[in-house]
Amino acid sequence: MLIIPKDIYNIYREFVDIPTEGKHRPNLVVHIDDDDIYCLPITSSSPNDPPKHLNDLWKLHIDKWQSVPLSNESWVIINQLKVISKSSVTRDDYLGVLHEDDWNNVVLKSEEFEYYDSKEQRRKQKRSQNSSKRKNAIRNKT
């Protein structure tokens, strides 16, 4: 079975906040390697305005959702990349292909997220280093 980026499959995903539970949901294939598929979940839940969760900032509207076809207006959740085995996906899971215009928007938003995420990782690393320096300074004073 040939799987390519832009394909959308119905795949089981655990809930982020309750990893012991989950459901089947549409997922956008963004990358494939020898054994694995990298995919982003698709939701019919619109982002909160103003944002209440990080996901709200990274939900990207699928303008041409009906062309897939998806049953409801939908958003790609850019910050929830998941890697799954190719063997876990079947032809019966196939839903359709994301329109090229929407795919280009996903690529741009993903690049924006990668930039944000790398800045966030550096910030956390710096905070951790500063915390270690504080702990060492306190230990040296005693």
N, C-alpha and C. Protein backbone atom coordinates (compact mmCIF):
# COMPACT_ATOMS: atom_id res chain seq x y z
N MET A 1 0.85 -1.18 0.00
CA MET A 1 0.00 0.00 0.00
C MET A 1 0.89 1.25 0.00
N LEU A 2 0.64 2.15 -0.92
CA LEU A 2 1.41 3.38 -1.03
C LEU A 2 0.77 4.46 -0.16
N ILE A 3 1.56 4.99 0.77
CA ILE A 3 1.12 6.07 1.65
C ILE A 3 2.01 7.27 1.35
N ILE A 4 1.40 8.43 1.14
CA ILE A 4 2.19 9.62 0.80
C ILE A 4 1.76 10.81 1.67
N PRO A 5 2.66 11.80 1.83
CA PRO A 5 2.27 13.02 2.53
C PRO A 5 1.05 13.64 1.85
N LYS A 6 0.19 14.22 2.66
CA LYS A 6 -1.09 14.82 2.27
C LYS A 6 -2.24 13.83 2.39
N ASP A 7 -1.93 12.52 2.48
CA ASP A 7 -3.00 11.54 2.69
C ASP A 7 -3.59 11.72 4.08
N ILE A 8 -4.86 11.41 4.21
CA ILE A 8 -5.54 11.46 5.51
C ILE A 8 -6.10 10.08 5.79
N TYR A 9 -5.76 9.56 6.99
CA TYR A 9 -6.21 8.25 7.43
C TYR A 9 -6.91 8.37 8.77
N ASN A 10 -7.85 7.49 9.02
CA ASN A 10 -8.52 7.40 10.31
C ASN A 10 -7.65 6.51 11.20
N ILE A 11 -7.02 7.10 12.22
CA ILE A 11 -6.04 6.40 13.06
C ILE A 11 -6.40 6.58 14.52
N TYR A 12 -6.18 5.53 15.32
CA TYR A 12 -6.41 5.62 16.76
C TYR A 12 -5.33 6.48 17.40
N ARG A 13 -5.74 7.42 18.23
CA ARG A 13 -4.80 8.27 18.97
C ARG A 13 -5.25 8.38 20.41
N GLU A 14 -4.27 8.32 21.32
CA GLU A 14 -4.55 8.53 22.73
C GLU A 14 -4.82 10.03 22.95
N PHE A 15 -5.64 10.32 23.96
CA PHE A 15 -5.86 11.71 24.33
C PHE A 15 -4.59 12.23 25.01
N VAL A 16 -4.24 13.49 24.76
CA VAL A 16 -3.04 14.07 25.33
C VAL A 16 -3.13 14.10 26.85
N ASP A 17 -4.29 14.47 27.39
CA ASP A 17 -4.44 14.61 28.84
C ASP A 17 -4.84 13.30 29.53
N ILE A 18 -5.29 12.29 28.77
CA ILE A 18 -5.67 10.98 29.33
C ILE A 18 -5.09 9.89 28.42
N PRO A 19 -3.78 9.59 28.56
CA PRO A 19 -3.14 8.67 27.62
C PRO A 19 -3.67 7.24 27.64
N THR A 20 -4.44 6.88 28.66
CA THR A 20 -5.02 5.53 28.70
C THR A 20 -6.30 5.44 27.88
N GLU A 21 -6.77 6.58 27.38
CA GLU A 21 -7.98 6.62 26.57
C GLU A 21 -7.68 7.30 25.24
N GLY A 22 -8.56 7.11 24.28
CA GLY A 22 -8.36 7.74 22.99
C GLY A 22 -9.52 7.43 22.06
N LYS A 23 -9.33 7.74 20.78
CA LYS A 23 -10.36 7.44 19.78
C LYS A 23 -9.74 7.48 18.40
N HIS A 24 -10.46 6.91 17.43
CA HIS A 24 -10.04 7.02 16.04
C HIS A 24 -10.41 8.42 15.56
N ARG A 25 -9.47 9.03 14.86
CA ARG A 25 -9.71 10.36 14.31
C ARG A 25 -8.91 10.50 13.03
N PRO A 26 -9.32 11.42 12.16
CA PRO A 26 -8.54 11.67 10.95
C PRO A 26 -7.15 12.19 11.31
N ASN A 27 -6.14 11.73 10.59
CA ASN A 27 -4.76 12.16 10.77
C ASN A 27 -4.14 12.46 9.42
N LEU A 28 -3.41 13.55 9.36
CA LEU A 28 -2.73 13.97 8.14
C LEU A 28 -1.32 13.41 8.12
N VAL A 29 -0.97 12.66 7.08
CA VAL A 29 0.39 12.15 6.93
C VAL A 29 1.27 13.30 6.46
N VAL A 30 2.36 13.56 7.23
CA VAL A 30 3.28 14.65 6.86
C VAL A 30 4.65 14.14 6.43
N HIS A 31 4.98 12.90 6.81
CA HIS A 31 6.29 12.34 6.44
C HIS A 31 6.21 10.82 6.56
N ILE A 32 7.01 10.14 5.75
CA ILE A 32 7.08 8.68 5.80
C ILE A 32 8.55 8.29 5.73
N ASP A 33 8.95 7.30 6.53
CA ASP A 33 10.27 6.70 6.32
C ASP A 33 10.07 5.20 6.12
N ASP A 34 11.10 4.41 6.27
CA ASP A 34 11.02 2.99 5.93
C ASP A 34 9.87 2.26 6.62
N ASP A 35 9.73 2.46 7.93
CA ASP A 35 8.74 1.70 8.70
C ASP A 35 7.66 2.54 9.35
N ASP A 36 7.84 3.85 9.37
CA ASP A 36 6.96 4.70 10.17
C ASP A 36 6.27 5.78 9.35
N ILE A 37 5.15 6.23 9.91
CA ILE A 37 4.37 7.34 9.36
C ILE A 37 4.34 8.43 10.43
N TYR A 38 4.62 9.66 10.03
CA TYR A 38 4.55 10.82 10.91
C TYR A 38 3.26 11.54 10.56
N CYS A 39 2.41 11.74 11.56
CA CYS A 39 1.10 12.31 11.24
C CYS A 39 0.65 13.32 12.30
N LEU A 40 -0.25 14.19 11.87
CA LEU A 40 -0.85 15.21 12.73
C LEU A 40 -2.34 14.95 12.83
N PRO A 41 -2.91 15.07 14.04
CA PRO A 41 -4.35 14.83 14.18
C PRO A 41 -5.18 15.95 13.57
N ILE A 42 -6.37 15.57 13.18
CA ILE A 42 -7.35 16.53 12.66
C ILE A 42 -8.55 16.48 13.59
N THR A 43 -9.06 17.66 13.94
CA THR A 43 -10.18 17.75 14.86
C THR A 43 -11.28 18.63 14.28
N SER A 44 -12.50 18.37 14.72
CA SER A 44 -13.61 19.25 14.34
C SER A 44 -13.86 20.29 15.43
N SER A 45 -13.06 20.25 16.48
CA SER A 45 -13.16 21.20 17.58
C SER A 45 -12.38 22.47 17.24
N SER A 46 -13.09 23.57 17.11
CA SER A 46 -12.43 24.83 16.74
C SER A 46 -11.59 25.35 17.91
N PRO A 47 -10.58 26.17 17.62
CA PRO A 47 -9.76 26.73 18.70
C PRO A 47 -10.56 27.73 19.53
N ASN A 48 -10.27 27.77 20.82
CA ASN A 48 -10.90 28.76 21.70
C ASN A 48 -10.35 30.14 21.37
N ASP A 49 -11.21 31.13 21.45
CA ASP A 49 -10.80 32.50 21.22
C ASP A 49 -11.33 33.36 22.35
N PRO A 50 -10.50 33.83 23.27
CA PRO A 50 -9.04 33.74 23.26
C PRO A 50 -8.57 32.32 23.59
N PRO A 51 -7.33 31.99 23.22
CA PRO A 51 -6.80 30.64 23.46
C PRO A 51 -6.77 30.29 24.94
N LYS A 52 -7.19 29.05 25.25
CA LYS A 52 -7.13 28.55 26.63
C LYS A 52 -6.01 27.53 26.80
N HIS A 53 -5.61 26.89 25.71
CA HIS A 53 -4.59 25.85 25.74
C HIS A 53 -3.61 26.09 24.61
N LEU A 54 -2.43 25.49 24.72
CA LEU A 54 -1.43 25.61 23.67
C LEU A 54 -1.98 25.12 22.33
N ASN A 55 -2.78 24.06 22.36
CA ASN A 55 -3.36 23.54 21.11
C ASN A 55 -4.15 24.60 20.36
N ASP A 56 -4.79 25.51 21.09
CA ASP A 56 -5.58 26.56 20.44
C ASP A 56 -4.72 27.44 19.54
N LEU A 57 -3.46 27.61 19.93
CA LEU A 57 -2.55 28.43 19.13
C LEU A 57 -2.08 27.72 17.87
N TRP A 58 -2.14 26.39 17.89
CA TRP A 58 -1.56 25.61 16.80
C TRP A 58 -2.59 24.82 16.00
N LYS A 59 -3.85 25.18 16.13
CA LYS A 59 -4.89 24.58 15.28
C LYS A 59 -4.98 25.39 14.00
N LEU A 60 -4.83 24.70 12.88
CA LEU A 60 -4.87 25.35 11.57
C LEU A 60 -6.12 24.92 10.83
N HIS A 61 -6.93 25.88 10.45
CA HIS A 61 -8.18 25.58 9.75
C HIS A 61 -7.91 24.95 8.40
N ILE A 62 -8.67 23.91 8.07
CA ILE A 62 -8.61 23.29 6.75
C ILE A 62 -9.70 23.96 5.92
N ASP A 63 -9.29 24.85 5.04
CA ASP A 63 -10.26 25.62 4.26
C ASP A 63 -11.09 24.74 3.33
N LYS A 64 -10.45 23.75 2.73
CA LYS A 64 -11.14 22.90 1.75
C LYS A 64 -11.39 21.51 2.33
N TRP A 65 -11.95 21.48 3.55
CA TRP A 65 -12.17 20.22 4.26
C TRP A 65 -13.16 19.32 3.53
N GLN A 66 -14.09 19.92 2.80
CA GLN A 66 -15.10 19.11 2.09
C GLN A 66 -14.50 18.35 0.91
N SER A 67 -13.37 18.82 0.38
CA SER A 67 -12.77 18.14 -0.77
C SER A 67 -12.03 16.86 -0.38
N VAL A 68 -11.79 16.64 0.93
CA VAL A 68 -11.04 15.45 1.36
C VAL A 68 -11.78 14.16 1.02
N PRO A 69 -13.00 13.90 1.39
CA PRO A 69 -13.96 14.71 2.15
C PRO A 69 -13.92 14.39 3.65
N LEU A 70 -13.98 15.45 4.46
CA LEU A 70 -14.18 15.29 5.90
C LEU A 70 -15.64 15.62 6.18
N SER A 71 -16.21 15.02 7.21
CA SER A 71 -17.64 15.19 7.47
C SER A 71 -17.98 16.51 8.14
N ASN A 72 -16.98 17.17 8.76
CA ASN A 72 -17.21 18.43 9.46
C ASN A 72 -16.09 19.41 9.16
N GLU A 73 -16.37 20.69 9.38
CA GLU A 73 -15.31 21.69 9.33
C GLU A 73 -14.21 21.23 10.27
N SER A 74 -12.94 21.36 9.86
CA SER A 74 -11.87 20.73 10.63
C SER A 74 -10.61 21.58 10.71
N TRP A 75 -9.76 21.22 11.69
CA TRP A 75 -8.48 21.87 11.94
C TRP A 75 -7.40 20.81 12.11
N VAL A 76 -6.20 21.10 11.62
CA VAL A 76 -5.03 20.26 11.87
C VAL A 76 -4.37 20.78 13.14
N ILE A 77 -4.01 19.87 14.06
CA ILE A 77 -3.33 20.28 15.29
C ILE A 77 -1.83 20.13 15.05
N ILE A 78 -1.18 21.24 14.76
CA ILE A 78 0.21 21.26 14.31
C ILE A 78 1.20 20.78 15.39
N ASN A 79 0.90 21.01 16.65
CA ASN A 79 1.86 20.70 17.72
C ASN A 79 1.72 19.29 18.28
N GLN A 80 1.02 18.39 17.60
CA GLN A 80 0.84 17.03 18.13
C GLN A 80 1.30 15.96 17.13
N LEU A 81 2.53 16.07 16.69
CA LEU A 81 3.08 15.08 15.77
C LEU A 81 3.18 13.72 16.46
N LYS A 82 2.74 12.69 15.75
CA LYS A 82 2.80 11.32 16.28
C LYS A 82 3.45 10.43 15.23
N VAL A 83 4.26 9.49 15.70
CA VAL A 83 4.89 8.51 14.82
C VAL A 83 4.20 7.18 15.05
N ILE A 84 3.73 6.57 13.97
CA ILE A 84 3.08 5.26 14.07
C ILE A 84 3.70 4.32 13.04
N SER A 85 3.53 3.05 13.28
CA SER A 85 4.04 2.04 12.36
C SER A 85 3.18 1.98 11.10
N LYS A 86 3.82 1.83 9.95
CA LYS A 86 3.08 1.68 8.70
C LYS A 86 2.14 0.49 8.77
N SER A 87 2.57 -0.55 9.47
CA SER A 87 1.77 -1.78 9.53
C SER A 87 0.45 -1.60 10.27
N SER A 88 0.31 -0.49 11.02
CA SER A 88 -0.93 -0.27 11.78
C SER A 88 -2.01 0.42 10.94
N VAL A 89 -1.69 0.77 9.70
CA VAL A 89 -2.64 1.48 8.83
C VAL A 89 -3.07 0.56 7.69
N THR A 90 -4.38 0.56 7.42
CA THR A 90 -4.90 -0.27 6.33
C THR A 90 -5.59 0.60 5.28
N ARG A 91 -5.88 0.01 4.14
CA ARG A 91 -6.61 0.73 3.08
C ARG A 91 -7.97 1.22 3.59
N ASP A 92 -8.59 0.45 4.46
CA ASP A 92 -9.91 0.82 4.99
C ASP A 92 -9.85 2.10 5.83
N ASP A 93 -8.65 2.46 6.33
CA ASP A 93 -8.49 3.66 7.14
C ASP A 93 -8.37 4.93 6.29
N TYR A 94 -8.19 4.78 5.00
CA TYR A 94 -7.96 5.91 4.10
C TYR A 94 -9.23 6.77 3.96
N LEU A 95 -9.05 8.09 4.12
CA LEU A 95 -10.18 9.03 3.99
C LEU A 95 -10.08 9.91 2.75
N GLY A 96 -8.87 10.29 2.35
CA GLY A 96 -8.72 11.17 1.20
C GLY A 96 -7.39 11.90 1.23
N VAL A 97 -7.31 12.96 0.42
CA VAL A 97 -6.08 13.74 0.28
C VAL A 97 -6.37 15.20 0.60
N LEU A 98 -5.47 15.81 1.36
CA LEU A 98 -5.60 17.24 1.67
C LEU A 98 -5.34 18.06 0.40
N HIS A 99 -6.15 19.08 0.20
CA HIS A 99 -5.98 19.97 -0.96
C HIS A 99 -4.61 20.65 -0.89
N GLU A 100 -4.02 20.90 -2.03
CA GLU A 100 -2.67 21.50 -2.12
C GLU A 100 -2.58 22.83 -1.37
N ASP A 101 -3.59 23.68 -1.47
CA ASP A 101 -3.58 24.97 -0.77
C ASP A 101 -3.50 24.77 0.74
N ASP A 102 -4.29 23.83 1.25
CA ASP A 102 -4.26 23.53 2.69
C ASP A 102 -2.92 22.92 3.08
N TRP A 103 -2.37 22.06 2.22
CA TRP A 103 -1.06 21.45 2.49
C TRP A 103 0.01 22.54 2.63
N ASN A 104 0.01 23.52 1.74
CA ASN A 104 0.98 24.61 1.82
C ASN A 104 0.84 25.38 3.13
N ASN A 105 -0.40 25.57 3.59
CA ASN A 105 -0.62 26.23 4.88
C ASN A 105 -0.09 25.39 6.04
N VAL A 106 -0.25 24.06 5.95
CA VAL A 106 0.28 23.16 6.99
C VAL A 106 1.80 23.27 7.04
N VAL A 107 2.44 23.27 5.89
CA VAL A 107 3.91 23.38 5.83
C VAL A 107 4.37 24.68 6.49
N LEU A 108 3.73 25.79 6.16
CA LEU A 108 4.11 27.08 6.74
C LEU A 108 3.89 27.12 8.25
N LYS A 109 2.74 26.63 8.69
CA LYS A 109 2.44 26.63 10.13
C LYS A 109 3.37 25.68 10.87
N SER A 110 3.75 24.57 10.26
CA SER A 110 4.68 23.62 10.87
C SER A 110 6.06 24.26 11.04
N GLU A 111 6.49 25.01 10.06
CA GLU A 111 7.77 25.71 10.16
C GLU A 111 7.72 26.74 11.29
N GLU A 112 6.61 27.42 11.40
CA GLU A 112 6.42 28.39 12.48
C GLU A 112 6.48 27.68 13.83
N PHE A 113 5.83 26.51 13.93
CA PHE A 113 5.85 25.77 15.19
C PHE A 113 7.26 25.28 15.51
N GLU A 114 8.00 24.78 14.53
CA GLU A 114 9.37 24.31 14.77
C GLU A 114 10.24 25.44 15.32
N TYR A 115 10.08 26.64 14.78
CA TYR A 115 10.82 27.80 15.27
C TYR A 115 10.43 28.10 16.72
N TYR A 116 9.13 28.14 16.99
CA TYR A 116 8.63 28.38 18.34
C TYR A 116 9.16 27.32 19.30
N ASP A 117 9.07 26.05 18.90
CA ASP A 117 9.46 24.94 19.77
C ASP A 117 10.96 24.98 20.07
N SER A 118 11.78 25.31 19.09
CA SER A 118 13.23 25.38 19.33
C SER A 118 13.55 26.52 20.30
N LYS A 119 12.86 27.66 20.16
CA LYS A 119 13.05 28.77 21.10
C LYS A 119 12.62 28.35 22.51
N GLU A 120 11.50 27.64 22.59
CA GLU A 120 10.99 27.19 23.88
C GLU A 120 11.97 26.21 24.54
N GLN A 121 12.54 25.31 23.76
CA GLN A 121 13.52 24.35 24.29
C GLN A 121 14.76 25.07 24.81
N ARG A 122 15.24 26.07 24.07
CA ARG A 122 16.41 26.84 24.53
C ARG A 122 16.08 27.59 25.81
N ARG A 123 14.87 28.14 25.89
CA ARG A 123 14.46 28.87 27.09
C ARG A 123 14.43 27.94 28.30
N LYS A 124 13.88 26.74 28.12
CA LYS A 124 13.82 25.77 29.21
C LYS A 124 15.21 25.32 29.63
N GLN A 125 16.08 25.13 28.64
CA GLN A 125 17.45 24.70 28.94
C GLN A 125 18.17 25.78 29.74
N LYS A 126 17.99 27.03 29.34
CA LYS A 126 18.63 28.14 30.05
C LYS A 126 18.09 28.25 31.47
N ARG A 127 16.77 28.08 31.62
CA ARG A 127 16.16 28.13 32.95
C ARG A 127 16.72 27.02 33.83
N SER A 128 16.90 25.83 33.27
CA SER A 128 17.45 24.70 34.01
C SER A 128 18.89 24.98 34.42
N GLN A 129 19.67 25.57 33.52
CA GLN A 129 21.06 25.90 33.84
C GLN A 129 21.11 26.95 34.95
N ASN A 130 20.24 27.95 34.87
CA ASN A 130 20.19 28.98 35.91
C ASN A 130 19.78 28.38 37.25
N SER A 131 18.85 27.44 37.23
CA SER A 131 18.42 26.78 38.45
C SER A 131 19.58 26.00 39.07
N SER A 132 20.35 25.31 38.24
CA SER A 132 21.51 24.56 38.73
C SER A 132 22.54 25.51 39.33
N LYS A 133 22.76 26.65 38.69
CA LYS A 133 23.71 27.63 39.21
C LYS A 133 23.26 28.14 40.57
N ARG A 134 21.95 28.40 40.71
CA ARG A 134 21.41 28.87 42.00
C ARG A 134 21.62 27.82 43.08
N LYS A 135 21.31 26.56 42.75
CA LYS A 135 21.48 25.48 43.72
C LYS A 135 22.93 25.35 44.14
N ASN A 136 23.84 25.43 43.19
CA ASN A 136 25.27 25.35 43.52
C ASN A 136 25.70 26.53 44.37
N ALA A 137 25.20 27.71 44.06
CA ALA A 137 25.55 28.90 44.85
C ALA A 137 25.05 28.76 46.27
N ILE A 138 23.85 28.22 46.45
CA ILE A 138 23.29 28.02 47.79
C ILE A 138 24.10 26.98 48.55
N ARG A 139 24.45 25.89 47.88
CA ARG A 139 25.26 24.84 48.53
C ARG A 139 26.62 25.39 48.96
N ASN A 140 27.22 26.23 48.14
CA ASN A 140 28.54 26.78 48.45
C ASN A 140 28.51 27.77 49.60
N LYS A 141 27.34 28.37 49.86
CA LYS A 141 27.21 29.33 50.96
C LYS A 141 27.08 28.63 52.30
N THR A 142 26.64 27.37 52.27
CA THR A 142 26.42 26.68 53.55
C THR A 142 27.65 25.98 54.05
